[in-house]
Amino acid sequence: MPIHAFVRFEPQPGKQQELREELELLLEPTRAEPGCMRIHLYEGLRDPLVFYIHSEWVDEAASMPTPSCRT
């Protein structure tokens, strides 16, 4: 059964562009991870200072962070 993850990010004041760029850098490497079916970055419509990532994984084990993930 696929696993869906929804994560909300709120930048510190004045750091919106920096956060957006960092989150965008995560997309392609994450798509290359085994078991990643899709991942997308969204920006809030009502609150443009909020970002969301939605990812879908083949199973729970695939959704776990790997050593290649940046912290």
PDB file of N, CA and C in Angstrom:
ATOM      1  N   MET A   1       0.848  -1.179   0.000  1.00  0.00           N
ATOM      2  CA  MET A   1       0.000   0.000   0.000  1.00  0.00           C
ATOM      3  C   MET A   1       0.894   1.243   0.000  1.00  0.00           C
ATOM      4  N   PRO A   2       0.643   2.177  -0.909  1.00  0.00           N
ATOM      5  CA  PRO A   2       1.454   3.403  -0.949  1.00  0.00           C
ATOM      6  C   PRO A   2       1.283   4.242   0.315  1.00  0.00           C
ATOM      7  N   ILE A   3       2.335   4.945   0.652  1.00  0.00           N
ATOM      8  CA  ILE A   3       2.351   5.855   1.801  1.00  0.00           C
ATOM      9  C   ILE A   3       2.439   7.283   1.266  1.00  0.00           C
ATOM     10  N   HIS A   4       1.598   8.161   1.783  1.00  0.00           N
ATOM     11  CA  HIS A   4       1.621   9.575   1.419  1.00  0.00           C
ATOM     12  C   HIS A   4       2.145  10.368   2.604  1.00  0.00           C
ATOM     13  N   ALA A   5       3.022  11.298   2.340  1.00  0.00           N
ATOM     14  CA  ALA A   5       3.548  12.182   3.377  1.00  0.00           C
ATOM     15  C   ALA A   5       3.236  13.628   2.997  1.00  0.00           C
ATOM     16  N   PHE A   6       2.721  14.378   3.948  1.00  0.00           N
ATOM     17  CA  PHE A   6       2.440  15.793   3.772  1.00  0.00           C
ATOM     18  C   PHE A   6       3.230  16.540   4.838  1.00  0.00           C
ATOM     19  N   VAL A   7       4.064  17.475   4.407  1.00  0.00           N
ATOM     20  CA  VAL A   7       4.896  18.215   5.356  1.00  0.00           C
ATOM     21  C   VAL A   7       4.699  19.708   5.115  1.00  0.00           C
ATOM     22  N   ARG A   8       4.519  20.446   6.195  1.00  0.00           N
ATOM     23  CA  ARG A   8       4.325  21.902   6.132  1.00  0.00           C
ATOM     24  C   ARG A   8       5.604  22.581   6.599  1.00  0.00           C
ATOM     25  N   PHE A   9       6.006  23.624   5.869  1.00  0.00           N
ATOM     26  CA  PHE A   9       7.205  24.395   6.206  1.00  0.00           C
ATOM     27  C   PHE A   9       6.834  25.865   6.304  1.00  0.00           C
ATOM     28  N   GLU A  10       7.286  26.520   7.365  1.00  0.00           N
ATOM     29  CA  GLU A  10       7.087  27.958   7.530  1.00  0.00           C
ATOM     30  C   GLU A  10       8.452  28.611   7.695  1.00  0.00           C
ATOM     31  N   PRO A  11       8.819  29.496   6.777  1.00  0.00           N
ATOM     32  CA  PRO A  11      10.146  30.124   6.868  1.00  0.00           C
ATOM     33  C   PRO A  11      10.209  31.145   7.993  1.00  0.00           C
ATOM     34  N   GLN A  12      11.417  31.370   8.453  1.00  0.00           N
ATOM     35  CA  GLN A  12      11.649  32.456   9.394  1.00  0.00           C
ATOM     36  C   GLN A  12      11.436  33.765   8.634  1.00  0.00           C
ATOM     37  N   PRO A  13      11.098  34.837   9.335  1.00  0.00           N
ATOM     38  CA  PRO A  13      10.876  36.116   8.664  1.00  0.00           C
ATOM     39  C   PRO A  13      12.054  36.491   7.749  1.00  0.00           C
ATOM     40  N   GLY A  14      11.723  36.863   6.513  1.00  0.00           N
ATOM     41  CA  GLY A  14      12.732  37.279   5.551  1.00  0.00           C
ATOM     42  C   GLY A  14      13.471  36.141   4.875  1.00  0.00           C
ATOM     43  N   LYS A  15      13.110  34.894   5.159  1.00  0.00           N
ATOM     44  CA  LYS A  15      13.830  33.737   4.622  1.00  0.00           C
ATOM     45  C   LYS A  15      12.981  32.922   3.634  1.00  0.00           C
ATOM     46  N   GLN A  16      11.873  33.510   3.134  1.00  0.00           N
ATOM     47  CA  GLN A  16      10.971  32.770   2.255  1.00  0.00           C
ATOM     48  C   GLN A  16      11.676  32.266   0.996  1.00  0.00           C
ATOM     49  N   GLN A  17      12.399  33.122   0.311  1.00  0.00           N
ATOM     50  CA  GLN A  17      13.065  32.728  -0.926  1.00  0.00           C
ATOM     51  C   GLN A  17      14.138  31.671  -0.655  1.00  0.00           C
ATOM     52  N   GLU A  18      14.871  31.843   0.419  1.00  0.00           N
ATOM     53  CA  GLU A  18      15.915  30.875   0.774  1.00  0.00           C
ATOM     54  C   GLU A  18      15.306  29.495   1.037  1.00  0.00           C
ATOM     55  N   LEU A  19      14.202  29.461   1.779  1.00  0.00           N
ATOM     56  CA  LEU A  19      13.545  28.186   2.053  1.00  0.00           C
ATOM     57  C   LEU A  19      13.018  27.568   0.765  1.00  0.00           C
ATOM     58  N   ARG A  20      12.375  28.368  -0.084  1.00  0.00           N
ATOM     59  CA  ARG A  20      11.857  27.862  -1.357  1.00  0.00           C
ATOM     60  C   ARG A  20      12.977  27.207  -2.165  1.00  0.00           C
ATOM     61  N   GLU A  21      14.118  27.879  -2.262  1.00  0.00           N
ATOM     62  CA  GLU A  21      15.240  27.345  -3.032  1.00  0.00           C
ATOM     63  C   GLU A  21      15.771  26.048  -2.432  1.00  0.00           C
ATOM     64  N   GLU A  22      15.871  25.985  -1.112  1.00  0.00           N
ATOM     65  CA  GLU A  22      16.352  24.762  -0.454  1.00  0.00           C
ATOM     66  C   GLU A  22      15.381  23.605  -0.681  1.00  0.00           C
ATOM     67  N   LEU A  23      14.089  23.869  -0.577  1.00  0.00           N
ATOM     68  CA  LEU A  23      13.104  22.816  -0.799  1.00  0.00           C
ATOM     69  C   LEU A  23      13.124  22.346  -2.251  1.00  0.00           C
ATOM     70  N   GLU A  24      13.280  23.276  -3.191  1.00  0.00           N
ATOM     71  CA  GLU A  24      13.354  22.890  -4.604  1.00  0.00           C
ATOM     72  C   GLU A  24      14.562  21.994  -4.874  1.00  0.00           C
ATOM     73  N   LEU A  25      15.659  22.232  -4.160  1.00  0.00           N
ATOM     74  CA  LEU A  25      16.854  21.405  -4.341  1.00  0.00           C
ATOM     75  C   LEU A  25      16.637  19.958  -3.882  1.00  0.00           C
ATOM     76  N   LEU A  26      15.678  19.733  -3.014  1.00  0.00           N
ATOM     77  CA  LEU A  26      15.407  18.388  -2.516  1.00  0.00           C
ATOM     78  C   LEU A  26      14.595  17.530  -3.487  1.00  0.00           C
ATOM     79  N   LEU A  27      13.892  18.162  -4.404  1.00  0.00           N
ATOM     80  CA  LEU A  27      12.938  17.422  -5.231  1.00  0.00           C
ATOM     81  C   LEU A  27      13.580  16.361  -6.115  1.00  0.00           C
ATOM     82  N   GLU A  28      14.535  16.728  -6.940  1.00  0.00           N
ATOM     83  CA  GLU A  28      15.123  15.761  -7.873  1.00  0.00           C
ATOM     84  C   GLU A  28      15.854  14.623  -7.156  1.00  0.00           C
ATOM     85  N   PRO A  29      16.706  14.904  -6.166  1.00  0.00           N
ATOM     86  CA  PRO A  29      17.342  13.780  -5.459  1.00  0.00           C
ATOM     87  C   PRO A  29      16.326  12.853  -4.793  1.00  0.00           C
ATOM     88  N   THR A  30      15.254  13.415  -4.286  1.00  0.00           N
ATOM     89  CA  THR A  30      14.228  12.588  -3.650  1.00  0.00           C
ATOM     90  C   THR A  30      13.516  11.738  -4.686  1.00  0.00           C
ATOM     91  N   ARG A  31      13.225  12.313  -5.843  1.00  0.00           N
ATOM     92  CA  ARG A  31      12.591  11.531  -6.917  1.00  0.00           C
ATOM     93  C   ARG A  31      13.454  10.341  -7.329  1.00  0.00           C
ATOM     94  N   ALA A  32      14.759  10.478  -7.178  1.00  0.00           N
ATOM     95  CA  ALA A  32      15.683   9.404  -7.554  1.00  0.00           C
ATOM     96  C   ALA A  32      15.801   8.330  -6.473  1.00  0.00           C
ATOM     97  N   GLU A  33      15.269   8.578  -5.297  1.00  0.00           N
ATOM     98  CA  GLU A  33      15.334   7.604  -4.209  1.00  0.00           C
ATOM     99  C   GLU A  33      14.495   6.374  -4.563  1.00  0.00           C
ATOM    100  N   PRO A  34      15.001   5.185  -4.227  1.00  0.00           N
ATOM    101  CA  PRO A  34      14.201   3.976  -4.472  1.00  0.00           C
ATOM    102  C   PRO A  34      12.868   4.059  -3.729  1.00  0.00           C
ATOM    103  N   GLY A  35      11.811   3.764  -4.419  1.00  0.00           N
ATOM    104  CA  GLY A  35      10.487   3.742  -3.809  1.00  0.00           C
ATOM    105  C   GLY A  35       9.720   5.039  -3.873  1.00  0.00           C
ATOM    106  N   CYS A  36      10.360   6.118  -4.314  1.00  0.00           N
ATOM    107  CA  CYS A  36       9.639   7.389  -4.430  1.00  0.00           C
ATOM    108  C   CYS A  36       8.810   7.366  -5.716  1.00  0.00           C
ATOM    109  N   MET A  37       7.514   7.471  -5.570  1.00  0.00           N
ATOM    110  CA  MET A  37       6.625   7.469  -6.723  1.00  0.00           C
ATOM    111  C   MET A  37       6.429   8.892  -7.262  1.00  0.00           C
ATOM    112  N   ARG A  38       6.387   9.859  -6.337  1.00  0.00           N
ATOM    113  CA  ARG A  38       6.252  11.265  -6.749  1.00  0.00           C
ATOM    114  C   ARG A  38       6.492  12.161  -5.549  1.00  0.00           C
ATOM    115  N   ILE A  39       6.909  13.385  -5.844  1.00  0.00           N
ATOM    116  CA  ILE A  39       7.076  14.404  -4.809  1.00  0.00           C
ATOM    117  C   ILE A  39       6.836  15.762  -5.458  1.00  0.00           C
ATOM    118  N   HIS A  40       6.095  16.614  -4.777  1.00  0.00           N
ATOM    119  CA  HIS A  40       5.769  17.934  -5.309  1.00  0.00           C
ATOM    120  C   HIS A  40       5.875  18.974  -4.202  1.00  0.00           C
ATOM    121  N   LEU A  41       6.259  20.171  -4.582  1.00  0.00           N
ATOM    122  CA  LEU A  41       6.334  21.314  -3.678  1.00  0.00           C
ATOM    123  C   LEU A  41       5.197  22.263  -4.014  1.00  0.00           C
ATOM    124  N   TYR A  42       4.488  22.703  -2.998  1.00  0.00           N
ATOM    125  CA  TYR A  42       3.381  23.638  -3.165  1.00  0.00           C
ATOM    126  C   TYR A  42       3.596  24.837  -2.262  1.00  0.00           C
ATOM    127  N   GLU A  43       3.083  25.976  -2.717  1.00  0.00           N
ATOM    128  CA  GLU A  43       3.103  27.197  -1.907  1.00  0.00           C
ATOM    129  C   GLU A  43       1.669  27.533  -1.536  1.00  0.00           C
ATOM    130  N   GLY A  44       1.449  27.900  -0.280  1.00  0.00           N
ATOM    131  CA  GLY A  44       0.101  28.208   0.182  1.00  0.00           C
ATOM    132  C   GLY A  44      -0.532  29.336  -0.621  1.00  0.00           C
ATOM    133  N   LEU A  45      -1.807  29.185  -0.960  1.00  0.00           N
ATOM    134  CA  LEU A  45      -2.538  30.233  -1.677  1.00  0.00           C
ATOM    135  C   LEU A  45      -2.989  31.339  -0.736  1.00  0.00           C
ATOM    136  N   ARG A  46      -3.502  30.948   0.403  1.00  0.00           N
ATOM    137  CA  ARG A  46      -3.981  31.942   1.378  1.00  0.00           C
ATOM    138  C   ARG A  46      -2.846  32.520   2.185  1.00  0.00           C
ATOM    139  N   ASP A  47      -1.806  31.734   2.352  1.00  0.00           N
ATOM    140  CA  ASP A  47      -0.643  32.183   3.112  1.00  0.00           C
ATOM    141  C   ASP A  47       0.601  31.859   2.296  1.00  0.00           C
ATOM    142  N   PRO A  48       1.050  32.795   1.460  1.00  0.00           N
ATOM    143  CA  PRO A  48       2.186  32.505   0.584  1.00  0.00           C
ATOM    144  C   PRO A  48       3.509  32.328   1.323  1.00  0.00           C
ATOM    145  N   LEU A  49       3.502  32.472   2.628  1.00  0.00           N
ATOM    146  CA  LEU A  49       4.713  32.233   3.411  1.00  0.00           C
ATOM    147  C   LEU A  49       4.769  30.811   3.944  1.00  0.00           C
ATOM    148  N   VAL A  50       3.895  29.950   3.435  1.00  0.00           N
ATOM    149  CA  VAL A  50       3.862  28.561   3.868  1.00  0.00           C
ATOM    150  C   VAL A  50       4.086  27.675   2.648  1.00  0.00           C
ATOM    151  N   PHE A  51       4.927  26.660   2.816  1.00  0.00           N
ATOM    152  CA  PHE A  51       5.199  25.694   1.760  1.00  0.00           C
ATOM    153  C   PHE A  51       4.778  24.316   2.239  1.00  0.00           C
ATOM    154  N   TYR A  52       4.404  23.484   1.280  1.00  0.00           N
ATOM    155  CA  TYR A  52       4.013  22.110   1.575  1.00  0.00           C
ATOM    156  C   TYR A  52       4.735  21.177   0.616  1.00  0.00           C
ATOM    157  N   ILE A  53       5.152  20.040   1.121  1.00  0.00           N
ATOM    158  CA  ILE A  53       5.663  18.977   0.261  1.00  0.00           C
ATOM    159  C   ILE A  53       4.731  17.791   0.424  1.00  0.00           C
ATOM    160  N   HIS A  54       4.298  17.251  -0.720  1.00  0.00           N
ATOM    161  CA  HIS A  54       3.523  16.015  -0.742  1.00  0.00           C
ATOM    162  C   HIS A  54       4.364  14.987  -1.469  1.00  0.00           C
ATOM    163  N   SER A  55       4.583  13.852  -0.830  1.00  0.00           N
ATOM    164  CA  SER A  55       5.324  12.776  -1.484  1.00  0.00           C
ATOM    165  C   SER A  55       4.538  11.482  -1.352  1.00  0.00           C
ATOM    166  N   GLU A  56       4.749  10.599  -2.330  1.00  0.00           N
ATOM    167  CA  GLU A  56       4.110   9.282  -2.327  1.00  0.00           C
ATOM    168  C   GLU A  56       5.191   8.233  -2.502  1.00  0.00           C
ATOM    169  N   TRP A  57       5.123   7.208  -1.655  1.00  0.00           N
ATOM    170  CA  TRP A  57       6.134   6.158  -1.616  1.00  0.00           C
ATOM    171  C   TRP A  57       5.474   4.801  -1.781  1.00  0.00           C
ATOM    172  N   VAL A  58       6.228   3.846  -2.321  1.00  0.00           N
ATOM    173  CA  VAL A  58       5.655   2.521  -2.577  1.00  0.00           C
ATOM    174  C   VAL A  58       5.232   1.817  -1.293  1.00  0.00           C
ATOM    175  N   ASP A  59       5.933   2.055  -0.189  1.00  0.00           N
ATOM    176  CA  ASP A  59       5.566   1.465   1.090  1.00  0.00           C
ATOM    177  C   ASP A  59       6.235   2.256   2.215  1.00  0.00           C
ATOM    178  N   GLU A  60       5.947   1.877   3.440  1.00  0.00           N
ATOM    179  CA  GLU A  60       6.471   2.618   4.585  1.00  0.00           C
ATOM    180  C   GLU A  60       7.994   2.565   4.653  1.00  0.00           C
ATOM    181  N   ALA A  61       8.581   1.420   4.361  1.00  0.00           N
ATOM    182  CA  ALA A  61      10.040   1.289   4.410  1.00  0.00           C
ATOM    183  C   ALA A  61      10.706   2.255   3.436  1.00  0.00           C
ATOM    184  N   ALA A  62      10.133   2.420   2.257  1.00  0.00           N
ATOM    185  CA  ALA A  62      10.721   3.327   1.260  1.00  0.00           C
ATOM    186  C   ALA A  62      10.609   4.779   1.700  1.00  0.00           C
ATOM    187  N   SER A  63       9.626   5.096   2.536  1.00  0.00           N
ATOM    188  CA  SER A  63       9.418   6.490   2.945  1.00  0.00           C
ATOM    189  C   SER A  63      10.376   6.943   4.037  1.00  0.00           C
ATOM    190  N   MET A  64      11.154   6.032   4.589  1.00  0.00           N
ATOM    191  CA  MET A  64      12.087   6.382   5.664  1.00  0.00           C
ATOM    192  C   MET A  64      13.302   7.110   5.099  1.00  0.00           C
ATOM    193  N   PRO A  65      13.834   8.097   5.835  1.00  0.00           N
ATOM    194  CA  PRO A  65      15.019   8.828   5.346  1.00  0.00           C
ATOM    195  C   PRO A  65      16.207   7.887   5.114  1.00  0.00           C
ATOM    196  N   THR A  66      16.964   8.202   4.094  1.00  0.00           N
ATOM    197  CA  THR A  66      18.174   7.434   3.778  1.00  0.00           C
ATOM    198  C   THR A  66      19.396   8.282   4.128  1.00  0.00           C
ATOM    199  N   PRO A  67      20.582   7.676   4.153  1.00  0.00           N
ATOM    200  CA  PRO A  67      21.801   8.462   4.462  1.00  0.00           C
ATOM    201  C   PRO A  67      22.028   9.622   3.502  1.00  0.00           C
ATOM    202  N   SER A  68      21.472   9.551   2.298  1.00  0.00           N
ATOM    203  CA  SER A  68      21.687  10.638   1.340  1.00  0.00           C
ATOM    204  C   SER A  68      20.829  11.854   1.636  1.00  0.00           C
ATOM    205  N   CYS A  69      19.862  11.730   2.548  1.00  0.00           N
ATOM    206  CA  CYS A  69      19.015  12.862   2.915  1.00  0.00           C
ATOM    207  C   CYS A  69      19.817  13.869   3.716  1.00  0.00           C
ATOM    208  N   ARG A  70      19.613  15.139   3.386  1.00  0.00           N
ATOM    209  CA  ARG A  70      20.268  16.206   4.144  1.00  0.00           C
ATOM    210  C   ARG A  70      19.417  16.540   5.345  1.00  0.00           C
ATOM    211  N   THR A  71      20.064  16.841   6.448  1.00  0.00           N
ATOM    212  CA  THR A  71      19.303  17.240   7.639  1.00  0.00           C
ATOM    213  C   THR A  71      19.554  18.680   7.949  1.00  0.00           C
TER     214      THR A  71
END
